[in-house]
Every structure is written in C-alpha cells, then in structure tokens.
Amino acid sequence: MSILVRFPPAPGTTTEQYDESLRRLEESGDFPPDGLEYHVAFVSGGDLRVSEIWDSREQMEAFGQRLMPLLAEMGINLAGEPEILEVHNIIKR
C-alpha cells in the first residue's frame, strides 16, 4: 500500500537550501531513493513544504535515516513529525 507523506514546514528554510540539499543527495547517489514515487516541493504561506508518495513506510524510513544527518548538517530542522496517510488511489495522466 502506497503512502502519502506530508512534511511539516522547516521554519526559515529557503528554496536555495532545498536546492543545495537536493544537489548533495543527487551527487551522493541517494536521490531519487528506492520506493519514492513522487516528490513535490512548494512554498505555502511563505514556508517551504514537501509532500511525497512512497511505495512503503519502510522505504521512506530507510531514506530518512540517510536524509536527516544531511539536513542537520545544513541547519535544516523540521517543525515536527511528518503526517503519513495511506493512499486509496493514484491517477496519472
């Protein structure tokens, strides 16, 4: 069963920091990770937000173990735990 993960905003995080973290992940070969179906980054209410669809919670958590040290190194702190929802249906064009 796929899951939708909605990450809370990381206060003060800029799109430049996001772009740099993505660049580092891609250079290390860690992005896109196994099991990630969609990754969407957007700004809402002045805060950078990220939502993802994963094949499984286990794959998302495995990637999180590699991602969190990188975010900490860059001074990016999430505002809390992600919201995780089971996906009922996905329609692609």
C-alpha atoms as a PDB file:
ATOM      1  CA  MET A   1       0.000   0.000   0.000  1.00  0.00           C
ATOM      2  CA  SER A   2       1.411   3.394  -1.010  1.00  0.00           C
ATOM      3  CA  ILE A   3       1.632   6.224   1.488  1.00  0.00           C
ATOM      4  CA  LEU A   4       1.421   9.994   1.198  1.00  0.00           C
ATOM      5  CA  VAL A   5       3.900  11.815   3.415  1.00  0.00           C
ATOM      6  CA  ARG A   6       3.395  15.489   4.188  1.00  0.00           C
ATOM      7  CA  PHE A   7       6.378  17.037   5.912  1.00  0.00           C
ATOM      8  CA  PRO A   8       5.821  19.978   8.248  1.00  0.00           C
ATOM      9  CA  PRO A   9       7.468  23.221   7.207  1.00  0.00           C
ATOM     10  CA  ALA A  10      11.046  23.720   8.271  1.00  0.00           C
ATOM     11  CA  PRO A  11      10.876  27.297   9.609  1.00  0.00           C
ATOM     12  CA  GLY A  12      13.215  29.654   7.796  1.00  0.00           C
ATOM     13  CA  THR A  13      14.301  27.098   5.216  1.00  0.00           C
ATOM     14  CA  THR A  14      14.917  28.718   1.850  1.00  0.00           C
ATOM     15  CA  THR A  15      14.473  27.346  -1.632  1.00  0.00           C
ATOM     16  CA  GLU A  16      18.247  27.782  -2.014  1.00  0.00           C
ATOM     17  CA  GLN A  17      18.861  25.450   0.945  1.00  0.00           C
ATOM     18  CA  TYR A  18      16.389  22.975  -0.529  1.00  0.00           C
ATOM     19  CA  ASP A  19      18.128  23.114  -3.924  1.00  0.00           C
ATOM     20  CA  GLU A  20      21.526  22.575  -2.279  1.00  0.00           C
ATOM     21  CA  SER A  21      20.293  19.605  -0.228  1.00  0.00           C
ATOM     22  CA  LEU A  22      18.829  18.045  -3.367  1.00  0.00           C
ATOM     23  CA  ARG A  23      22.081  18.629  -5.250  1.00  0.00           C
ATOM     24  CA  ARG A  24      24.053  16.886  -2.472  1.00  0.00           C
ATOM     25  CA  LEU A  25      21.657  13.945  -2.401  1.00  0.00           C
ATOM     26  CA  GLU A  26      21.844  13.531  -6.171  1.00  0.00           C
ATOM     27  CA  GLU A  27      25.669  13.746  -6.138  1.00  0.00           C
ATOM     28  CA  SER A  28      25.854  11.062  -3.432  1.00  0.00           C
ATOM     29  CA  GLY A  29      23.572   8.781  -5.457  1.00  0.00           C
ATOM     30  CA  ASP A  30      20.878   8.928  -2.750  1.00  0.00           C
ATOM     31  CA  PHE A  31      18.228  10.636  -4.857  1.00  0.00           C
ATOM     32  CA  PRO A  32      15.808   9.563  -6.026  1.00  0.00           C
ATOM     33  CA  PRO A  33      15.713   6.791  -3.409  1.00  0.00           C
ATOM     34  CA  ASP A  34      14.220   3.359  -3.920  1.00  0.00           C
ATOM     35  CA  GLY A  35      10.471   3.436  -3.314  1.00  0.00           C
ATOM     36  CA  LEU A  36       9.902   7.142  -3.942  1.00  0.00           C
ATOM     37  CA  GLU A  37       7.122   7.554  -6.486  1.00  0.00           C
ATOM     38  CA  TYR A  38       6.611  11.354  -6.366  1.00  0.00           C
ATOM     39  CA  HIS A  39       8.369  14.261  -4.671  1.00  0.00           C
ATOM     40  CA  VAL A  40       6.806  17.724  -4.697  1.00  0.00           C
ATOM     41  CA  ALA A  41       8.363  20.833  -3.118  1.00  0.00           C
ATOM     42  CA  PHE A  42       6.357  24.042  -2.925  1.00  0.00           C
ATOM     43  CA  VAL A  43       6.012  27.259  -0.944  1.00  0.00           C
ATOM     44  CA  SER A  44       2.815  27.801   1.059  1.00  0.00           C
ATOM     45  CA  GLY A  45       2.277  30.712   3.407  1.00  0.00           C
ATOM     46  CA  GLY A  46       5.920  31.666   2.993  1.00  0.00           C
ATOM     47  CA  ASP A  47       7.133  28.238   4.189  1.00  0.00           C
ATOM     48  CA  LEU A  48       8.852  25.587   2.077  1.00  0.00           C
ATOM     49  CA  ARG A  49       6.797  22.392   2.133  1.00  0.00           C
ATOM     50  CA  VAL A  50       7.453  18.890   0.788  1.00  0.00           C
ATOM     51  CA  SER A  51       4.987  16.108   0.056  1.00  0.00           C
ATOM     52  CA  GLU A  52       5.892  12.667  -1.260  1.00  0.00           C
ATOM     53  CA  ILE A  53       4.288   9.409  -2.307  1.00  0.00           C
ATOM     54  CA  TRP A  54       6.189   6.271  -1.311  1.00  0.00           C
ATOM     55  CA  ASP A  55       5.702   2.599  -2.094  1.00  0.00           C
ATOM     56  CA  SER A  56       6.014   1.794   1.632  1.00  0.00           C
ATOM     57  CA  ARG A  57       6.632   3.340   5.027  1.00  0.00           C
ATOM     58  CA  GLU A  58       9.711   1.145   5.449  1.00  0.00           C
ATOM     59  CA  GLN A  59      11.356   2.599   2.323  1.00  0.00           C
ATOM     60  CA  MET A  60      10.544   6.148   3.454  1.00  0.00           C
ATOM     61  CA  GLU A  61      12.017   5.485   6.903  1.00  0.00           C
ATOM     62  CA  ALA A  62      15.174   3.898   5.439  1.00  0.00           C
ATOM     63  CA  PHE A  63      15.756   7.001   3.324  1.00  0.00           C
ATOM     64  CA  GLY A  64      15.042   9.224   6.322  1.00  0.00           C
ATOM     65  CA  GLN A  65      18.000   7.648   8.142  1.00  0.00           C
ATOM     66  CA  ARG A  66      20.268   8.922   5.357  1.00  0.00           C
ATOM     67  CA  LEU A  67      18.447  12.229   4.844  1.00  0.00           C
ATOM     68  CA  MET A  68      18.221  13.542   8.406  1.00  0.00           C
ATOM     69  CA  PRO A  69      22.009  13.797   9.005  1.00  0.00           C
ATOM     70  CA  LEU A  70      22.339  15.820   5.775  1.00  0.00           C
ATOM     71  CA  LEU A  71      19.541  18.180   6.806  1.00  0.00           C
ATOM     72  CA  ALA A  72      21.111  18.618  10.261  1.00  0.00           C
ATOM     73  CA  GLU A  73      24.470  19.366   8.643  1.00  0.00           C
ATOM     74  CA  MET A  74      22.793  22.084   6.598  1.00  0.00           C
ATOM     75  CA  GLY A  75      20.954  23.551   9.603  1.00  0.00           C
ATOM     76  CA  ILE A  76      17.511  22.470   8.370  1.00  0.00           C
ATOM     77  CA  ASN A  77      15.177  21.381  11.178  1.00  0.00           C
ATOM     78  CA  LEU A  78      11.659  20.070  10.593  1.00  0.00           C
ATOM     79  CA  ALA A  79       8.858  21.545  12.698  1.00  0.00           C
ATOM     80  CA  GLY A  80       7.657  18.075  13.739  1.00  0.00           C
ATOM     81  CA  GLU A  81       6.941  14.553  12.610  1.00  0.00           C
ATOM     82  CA  PRO A  82       5.578  14.035   9.079  1.00  0.00           C
ATOM     83  CA  GLU A  83       1.920  13.271   8.515  1.00  0.00           C
ATOM     84  CA  ILE A  84       1.602   9.806   6.946  1.00  0.00           C
ATOM     85  CA  LEU A  85      -1.586   8.774   5.145  1.00  0.00           C
ATOM     86  CA  GLU A  86      -2.481   5.588   3.267  1.00  0.00           C
ATOM     87  CA  VAL A  87      -3.166   6.225  -0.404  1.00  0.00           C
ATOM     88  CA  HIS A  88      -6.505   4.964  -1.671  1.00  0.00           C
ATOM     89  CA  ASN A  89      -5.971   5.731  -5.360  1.00  0.00           C
ATOM     90  CA  ILE A  90      -3.481   7.375  -7.705  1.00  0.00           C
ATOM     91  CA  ILE A  91      -4.402   8.581 -11.169  1.00  0.00           C
ATOM     92  CA  LYS A  92      -1.637   9.583 -13.588  1.00  0.00           C
ATOM     93  CA  ARG A  93      -2.188  11.316 -16.850  1.00  0.00           C
END
